[in-house]
Structures are given as C-alpha cells and as structure tokens.
Amino acid sequence: MKIGIVGAGLVGSCAAFAMVMRGVASEIVLIDRNEKLAHAQAQDILHGTPFAAPTRIWAGSYADLSGARVVILSAGVSQEPGESRLHLLERNAKVFGAIIPSVLAHAPDAILLVTSNPVDVMTDIARRISGLPAERVIGSGTVLDTARFRSLLGEHVGVSPKSVHAYVLGEHGDSEVLWWSGANVGNVGVQAMAEQLGRPIDAAARGRIDEAVRKAAYRIIDGKGATWFGIGSGLTRIVQAILSDENALLSISALPAACEGIPAVPLSVPRLVGAAGAGAPLIPVLDPDEKVLLQRSAEILKEASDSVHI
C-alpha cells in the first residue's frame, strides 16, 4: 500500500521512518515545498531499509500520490513570537487551502490524516476544505497523549503500558481530559489494581501523572525544540489500523463526537479505526467532573474552529 506524507520535516520524516521500521507500507512518498529536504529525508530513510522492511520510499510531487491509501498532512507554519492563535490558524488554513486540492486531484480516494497543530481545529479545517465525508478526515488527536497516560500509569503500578487501557479525551492541548474513571489494567480498574499491587494512586500520584501527561510536550519542546518520535509512532499506529482494516480503538480526532452536550467539532474519544477511516466512537461513561471538563474542552475547540473563515 502507498502512503503519502506532505511535509517532510521532523514529524513527517519520523512517521516515515517509523512506518519503514514496522513494515506498515510498501511505498512512501514524501512531498515538501523544500524539495532538497524531501529528497534528503527519503534517501536517509531508504538507507535504513536493509535493516527493516523492504519499503520503497522517495521524494516526489503531488502527482506521485496517485493510488495512495492514506495521505498524512504534517505541513504548516510555526507560531511567530507574539502571534495570536487565531492568526496562526488563519495562516495554516491558507496552507491547507493550497495543499488539499492538490492532494485530492491525484489521490481522490485517500484518507487524510492530519497532524499539523492545533490538530483538532486543523482537522475541521481540512474537512471543510476537502468536502470529504467526516470519516475520511482524521486528526492524530490525543493518540500521543493517551500513550503518555498509559506509559505513566504502567510505570506507577509496575506493569507493561500495553496492559494499561486508558484514554485522554477532548482537545490535544491544555484542556484535554484524562479519563481516570475509565482507566483499567487488564480488566480491573486502575485504582483497584494499584491497591492490589501495593502502589496506590493517591491524590498526589494522580496529580503528578496528570501534570506529567498534560505538560509533556512543553518539557520536550523546552529540551529539544519539538516533539517527533512519539507522534511519528502514533501516526504509524493509525496508518497500520487503516491499512489492515483493524477496527482498533484509538483516540483520534474526528466527527461526530457523539457525546451528549458536546458541540459538533472534531475532538478525541476512543473510536474504531479501519479501512474506511474513522468508524463508530466509543461513547465514554464519564463521572460528573469529567463530563464538565470534556464539554468545556469541546467548547474551546468549537470557538476556535468557528473563528476561522475558509
């Protein structure tokens, strides 16, 4: 299967590398307005294929997207000092306004996978520009935040994060909601399991984990300027679910949210992901505080999305 990636910077190239390492795709084409960068990234990753899966990867043009099953949109502009979030959104909307018609002209059947930030609003912008059915326009959403949550819970209770079932809901950003009431280890609630293992999650531990998940990106950006390994791996997991028609439950950003009282805006809830893109959502059973927080997160996203005129 062919995958296209528009934007060959740190996130796009890391996603390509992760897909090669896991053997997710047979072909990957990188597109960037900086053609020299795209060629360099493709060559560097290609040289690693003898140690991984035999993937064909190259730098190309939009015409080379023909037949692509998924196209990852990781292009966009960075926020300038003193620039408002709204102005950044408007500039990134213009970038998508140029990219998406070019993508669909050559890959009209592709699923669009958005990772440009702010990802939830950019997913809505991509849906509005493309005119595609909602299930074919997916944002990476809180797939990375969810992985962070599971990693930290697993570390606290002393089990593999693969045995932890926990999700981050809502915005990929400051208003995200850690779904504590729905977190399980195996089939046991995380609080009960933590007690069984002698590692209780008291208020201090819960606050530490919440803060570590919510502020992870800030710390990483402060240390090295950007995040790319985690999100590259998350994008690979989403693509894998699509190409294998897996119907995996992943916390992606898409419409509809399908939660009572939540406005129509892309946000993350656990959702089936398969060959058709975003499938049915798992409607989370939330405690009263979580309901309020998720609704507030959705309102923040709705206000931001409505402020951008396409």
Protein backbone atom coordinates (compact mmCIF):
# COMPACT_ATOMS: atom_id res chain seq x y z
CA MET A 1 0.00 0.00 0.00
CA LYS A 2 1.18 3.52 -0.80
CA ILE A 3 1.28 6.27 1.83
CA GLY A 4 1.82 9.94 1.08
CA ILE A 5 3.29 12.44 3.52
CA VAL A 6 3.01 16.15 2.82
CA GLY A 7 5.54 17.94 4.99
CA ALA A 8 8.94 16.26 5.30
CA GLY A 9 10.06 18.00 8.47
CA LEU A 10 10.70 16.32 11.80
CA VAL A 11 7.21 14.87 12.28
CA GLY A 12 6.64 13.76 8.70
CA SER A 13 10.07 12.17 8.33
CA CYS A 14 9.86 10.45 11.71
CA ALA A 15 6.48 8.99 10.77
CA ALA A 16 8.02 7.70 7.53
CA PHE A 17 10.94 6.17 9.42
CA ALA A 18 8.63 4.51 11.95
CA MET A 19 6.49 3.05 9.16
CA VAL A 20 9.57 1.63 7.47
CA MET A 21 10.82 0.11 10.72
CA ARG A 22 7.44 -1.56 11.33
CA GLY A 23 6.85 -2.56 7.72
CA VAL A 24 3.49 -0.81 7.59
CA ALA A 25 3.55 0.35 3.95
CA SER A 26 5.09 -0.90 0.73
CA GLU A 27 5.57 2.61 -0.70
CA ILE A 28 6.00 6.01 0.94
CA VAL A 29 6.27 9.26 -0.99
CA LEU A 30 7.47 12.44 0.74
CA ILE A 31 6.39 15.85 -0.54
CA ASP A 32 7.70 19.16 0.68
CA ARG A 33 7.99 22.62 -0.83
CA ASN A 34 11.65 22.31 0.12
CA GLU A 35 12.43 19.59 -2.42
CA LYS A 36 16.02 19.28 -1.27
CA LEU A 37 14.82 18.45 2.25
CA ALA A 38 12.33 15.86 1.00
CA HIS A 39 14.99 14.14 -1.11
CA ALA A 40 17.47 14.12 1.78
CA GLN A 41 14.93 12.63 4.21
CA ALA A 42 13.86 9.98 1.71
CA GLN A 43 17.44 8.97 0.97
CA ASP A 44 18.38 8.83 4.65
CA ILE A 45 15.41 6.58 5.47
CA LEU A 46 15.94 4.45 2.35
CA HIS A 47 19.44 3.62 3.55
CA GLY A 48 17.90 2.04 6.65
CA THR A 49 15.60 -0.32 4.75
CA PRO A 50 18.15 -3.18 4.61
CA PHE A 51 17.76 -3.35 8.42
CA ALA A 52 13.96 -3.22 8.33
CA ALA A 53 11.13 -3.84 5.87
CA PRO A 54 11.69 -3.61 2.09
CA THR A 55 9.84 -0.34 1.63
CA ARG A 56 10.16 1.88 -1.42
CA ILE A 57 10.49 5.48 -0.23
CA TRP A 58 11.18 8.50 -2.36
CA ALA A 59 10.58 12.24 -2.68
CA GLY A 60 8.05 13.22 -5.27
CA SER A 61 5.33 15.60 -6.38
CA TYR A 62 1.58 15.61 -5.83
CA ALA A 63 1.16 13.55 -8.99
CA ASP A 64 3.09 10.76 -7.25
CA LEU A 65 0.28 10.46 -4.68
CA SER A 66 -1.82 8.58 -7.25
CA GLY A 67 -3.09 5.41 -5.60
CA ALA A 68 -2.16 6.49 -2.06
CA ARG A 69 -4.45 4.92 0.54
CA VAL A 70 -3.60 7.49 3.24
CA VAL A 71 -2.05 10.95 2.97
CA ILE A 72 -0.56 12.42 6.15
CA LEU A 73 -0.74 16.21 6.36
CA SER A 74 2.13 17.40 8.54
CA ALA A 75 2.80 20.69 6.77
CA GLY A 76 2.14 24.07 8.32
CA VAL A 77 3.70 27.27 9.60
CA SER A 78 5.15 27.80 13.05
CA GLN A 79 3.80 30.32 15.51
CA GLU A 80 5.77 33.54 15.45
CA PRO A 81 6.69 35.49 18.61
CA GLY A 82 3.68 37.50 19.75
CA GLU A 83 1.37 35.91 17.16
CA SER A 84 -2.14 35.08 18.27
CA ARG A 85 -3.50 31.53 17.98
CA LEU A 86 -6.21 32.80 15.64
CA HIS A 87 -3.70 34.38 13.27
CA LEU A 88 -1.68 31.16 13.26
CA LEU A 89 -4.84 29.21 12.45
CA GLU A 90 -5.67 31.52 9.57
CA ARG A 91 -2.18 31.16 8.12
CA ASN A 92 -2.28 27.38 8.43
CA ALA A 93 -5.76 27.34 6.87
CA LYS A 94 -4.24 29.04 3.82
CA VAL A 95 -1.51 26.40 3.69
CA PHE A 96 -4.13 23.64 3.76
CA GLY A 97 -6.17 25.54 1.18
CA ALA A 98 -3.26 25.14 -1.24
CA ILE A 99 -2.26 21.59 -0.28
CA ILE A 100 -5.55 19.69 -0.02
CA PRO A 101 -6.91 20.36 -3.54
CA SER A 102 -3.55 19.24 -4.95
CA VAL A 103 -3.67 16.05 -2.87
CA LEU A 104 -7.23 15.17 -3.88
CA ALA A 105 -6.59 15.94 -7.55
CA HIS A 106 -4.26 12.93 -7.63
CA ALA A 107 -5.48 10.80 -4.72
CA PRO A 108 -9.25 11.39 -4.61
CA ASP A 109 -9.92 8.21 -2.61
CA ALA A 110 -7.29 8.81 0.07
CA ILE A 111 -7.98 9.18 3.76
CA LEU A 112 -6.50 12.43 5.08
CA LEU A 113 -4.61 12.08 8.36
CA VAL A 114 -3.93 15.49 9.90
CA THR A 115 -1.15 16.08 12.41
CA SER A 116 -0.46 19.80 11.92
CA ASN A 117 -1.20 21.79 15.08
CA PRO A 118 -3.56 22.78 16.56
CA VAL A 119 -4.59 19.37 15.27
CA ASP A 120 -8.28 19.28 16.23
CA VAL A 121 -9.08 22.61 14.61
CA MET A 122 -6.87 21.83 11.61
CA THR A 123 -8.79 18.56 11.18
CA ASP A 124 -12.02 20.55 10.99
CA ILE A 125 -10.44 22.97 8.52
CA ALA A 126 -9.24 20.04 6.38
CA ARG A 127 -12.75 18.57 6.40
CA ARG A 128 -14.29 21.88 5.36
CA ILE A 129 -11.74 22.50 2.59
CA SER A 130 -11.85 18.96 1.21
CA GLY A 131 -15.59 18.41 1.37
CA LEU A 132 -14.86 14.77 2.16
CA PRO A 133 -17.06 12.63 4.40
CA ALA A 134 -16.10 13.09 8.04
CA GLU A 135 -14.81 9.53 8.38
CA ARG A 136 -12.14 10.21 5.76
CA VAL A 137 -10.63 13.21 7.57
CA ILE A 138 -8.86 12.12 10.75
CA GLY A 139 -6.71 14.03 13.19
CA SER A 140 -3.99 12.35 15.23
CA GLY A 141 -5.84 13.84 18.20
CA THR A 142 -4.82 12.52 21.61
CA VAL A 143 -3.23 9.30 20.36
CA LEU A 144 0.10 10.53 21.77
CA ASP A 145 -1.42 11.92 25.00
CA THR A 146 -3.09 8.54 25.51
CA ALA A 147 0.25 6.78 25.05
CA ARG A 148 1.81 9.11 27.62
CA PHE A 149 -1.01 8.40 30.07
CA ARG A 150 -0.64 4.64 29.66
CA SER A 151 3.14 4.81 29.97
CA LEU A 152 2.99 6.77 33.21
CA LEU A 153 0.23 4.61 34.72
CA GLY A 154 2.16 1.47 33.79
CA GLU A 155 5.30 2.88 35.36
CA HIS A 156 3.43 3.75 38.56
CA VAL A 157 1.77 0.36 39.07
CA GLY A 158 4.71 -1.63 37.67
CA VAL A 159 3.11 -3.26 34.63
CA SER A 160 3.66 -3.00 30.89
CA PRO A 161 1.87 0.00 29.39
CA LYS A 162 0.48 -2.45 26.81
CA SER A 163 -1.63 -3.92 29.63
CA VAL A 164 -2.99 -0.49 30.57
CA HIS A 165 -6.25 0.62 28.94
CA ALA A 166 -6.68 4.34 29.48
CA TYR A 167 -7.52 7.27 27.24
CA VAL A 168 -7.11 11.03 27.04
CA LEU A 169 -10.23 12.73 25.66
CA GLY A 170 -11.07 16.09 24.11
CA GLU A 171 -8.51 18.54 22.81
CA HIS A 172 -4.91 17.67 22.06
CA GLY A 173 -3.85 20.57 24.21
CA ASP A 174 -4.28 22.27 27.55
CA SER A 175 -7.98 21.40 28.01
CA GLU A 176 -7.53 17.66 27.41
CA VAL A 177 -9.28 15.31 29.84
CA LEU A 178 -7.59 12.29 31.39
CA TRP A 179 -10.34 9.68 31.65
CA TRP A 180 -9.42 8.37 35.09
CA SER A 181 -12.79 6.78 35.78
CA GLY A 182 -12.43 4.58 32.69
CA ALA A 183 -8.80 3.54 33.19
CA ASN A 184 -8.14 -0.19 33.61
CA VAL A 185 -5.20 -2.55 33.98
CA GLY A 186 -6.27 -5.78 32.36
CA ASN A 187 -9.96 -5.86 33.27
CA VAL A 188 -9.55 -4.27 36.70
CA GLY A 189 -10.00 -0.57 37.41
CA VAL A 190 -6.64 1.12 37.72
CA GLN A 191 -7.31 2.34 41.25
CA ALA A 192 -8.19 -1.17 42.46
CA MET A 193 -5.24 -2.73 40.63
CA ALA A 194 -2.86 -0.17 42.08
CA GLU A 195 -4.12 -1.04 45.58
CA GLN A 196 -3.65 -4.78 44.89
CA LEU A 197 -0.07 -4.19 43.80
CA GLY A 198 0.70 -2.03 46.82
CA ARG A 199 1.14 1.09 44.72
CA PRO A 200 -1.98 3.16 45.46
CA ILE A 201 -2.84 6.16 43.33
CA ASP A 202 -3.49 8.83 45.91
CA ALA A 203 -4.24 12.48 45.17
CA ALA A 204 -0.54 13.32 44.94
CA ALA A 205 0.21 10.50 42.49
CA ARG A 206 -2.82 11.34 40.40
CA GLY A 207 -1.84 14.99 40.27
CA ARG A 208 1.73 14.10 39.31
CA ILE A 209 0.61 11.83 36.46
CA ASP A 210 -1.98 14.32 35.22
CA GLU A 211 0.55 17.13 35.18
CA ALA A 212 3.20 14.97 33.51
CA VAL A 213 0.81 14.00 30.69
CA ARG A 214 -0.58 17.48 30.23
CA LYS A 215 2.80 19.24 30.25
CA ALA A 216 4.89 16.59 28.47
CA ALA A 217 5.07 18.49 25.20
CA TYR A 218 6.16 21.70 26.92
CA ARG A 219 9.04 19.91 28.66
CA ILE A 220 10.17 18.15 25.49
CA ILE A 221 9.98 21.35 23.45
CA ASP A 222 11.95 23.17 26.14
CA GLY A 223 14.63 20.49 25.98
CA LYS A 224 14.96 19.92 22.24
CA GLY A 225 12.66 22.32 20.41
CA ALA A 226 9.89 19.98 19.22
CA THR A 227 8.36 16.54 19.62
CA TRP A 228 8.63 13.98 16.85
CA PHE A 229 9.39 10.40 17.95
CA GLY A 230 6.18 9.91 19.93
CA ILE A 231 3.85 11.42 17.33
CA GLY A 232 5.66 9.64 14.49
CA SER A 233 4.96 6.35 16.26
CA GLY A 234 1.33 7.35 16.87
CA LEU A 235 0.78 8.19 13.21
CA THR A 236 2.25 4.84 12.26
CA ARG A 237 -0.19 3.07 14.57
CA ILE A 238 -3.16 4.88 12.97
CA VAL A 239 -1.97 4.07 9.44
CA GLN A 240 -1.46 0.45 10.42
CA ALA A 241 -5.05 0.24 11.69
CA ILE A 242 -6.36 1.69 8.43
CA LEU A 243 -4.31 -0.47 6.07
CA SER A 244 -5.06 -3.70 7.94
CA ASP A 245 -8.76 -2.82 8.42
CA GLU A 246 -8.17 -3.49 12.08
CA ASN A 247 -11.12 -1.72 13.71
CA ALA A 248 -8.76 -0.77 16.52
CA LEU A 249 -9.93 1.58 19.26
CA LEU A 250 -7.71 4.65 19.03
CA SER A 251 -8.15 8.13 20.47
CA ILE A 252 -8.22 10.02 17.19
CA SER A 253 -9.87 13.35 16.45
CA ALA A 254 -12.89 13.16 14.15
CA LEU A 255 -16.57 13.96 13.77
CA PRO A 256 -19.03 13.30 15.27
CA ALA A 257 -18.04 13.36 18.94
CA ALA A 258 -21.31 11.54 19.72
CA CYS A 259 -21.34 12.61 23.36
CA GLU A 260 -24.38 14.29 24.87
CA GLY A 261 -23.98 18.05 25.15
CA ILE A 262 -20.82 18.13 23.03
CA PRO A 263 -20.89 20.53 20.04
CA ALA A 264 -20.09 19.32 16.53
CA VAL A 265 -16.33 19.70 16.38
CA PRO A 266 -13.52 17.17 15.90
CA LEU A 267 -12.17 16.02 19.25
CA SER A 268 -10.79 12.79 20.62
CA VAL A 269 -12.78 9.91 22.02
CA PRO A 270 -11.89 6.23 21.53
CA ARG A 271 -13.03 5.36 18.03
CA LEU A 272 -12.87 2.35 15.75
CA VAL A 273 -10.27 2.86 13.04
CA GLY A 274 -10.26 0.65 9.95
CA ALA A 275 -10.20 0.66 6.17
CA ALA A 276 -12.97 3.27 5.89
CA GLY A 277 -11.19 5.64 8.27
CA ALA A 278 -12.88 6.85 11.44
CA GLY A 279 -15.60 4.44 12.48
CA ALA A 280 -18.03 4.37 15.38
CA PRO A 281 -16.99 6.16 18.57
CA LEU A 282 -16.95 4.56 21.98
CA ILE A 283 -19.20 6.84 23.99
CA PRO A 284 -17.30 7.24 27.27
CA VAL A 285 -19.11 6.78 30.58
CA LEU A 286 -17.78 9.77 32.49
CA ASP A 287 -18.05 10.90 36.07
CA PRO A 288 -19.70 14.32 36.61
CA ASP A 289 -16.41 16.24 36.77
CA GLU A 290 -15.13 14.59 33.59
CA LYS A 291 -18.37 15.47 31.77
CA VAL A 292 -17.93 19.14 32.64
CA LEU A 293 -14.29 19.13 31.59
CA LEU A 294 -14.97 17.40 28.27
CA GLN A 295 -17.77 19.79 27.42
CA ARG A 296 -15.51 22.74 28.20
CA SER A 297 -12.75 21.28 26.02
CA ALA A 298 -15.21 20.89 23.14
CA GLU A 299 -16.47 24.46 23.56
CA ILE A 300 -12.89 25.78 23.37
CA LEU A 301 -12.34 23.87 20.13
CA LYS A 302 -15.68 24.94 18.67
CA GLU A 303 -14.97 28.60 19.35
CA ALA A 304 -11.54 28.34 17.71
CA SER A 305 -12.87 26.45 14.69
CA ASP A 306 -15.77 28.85 14.13
CA SER A 307 -13.37 31.80 14.21
CA VAL A 308 -11.53 30.60 11.09
CA HIS A 309 -13.20 31.52 7.81
CA ILE A 310 -12.40 29.26 4.88
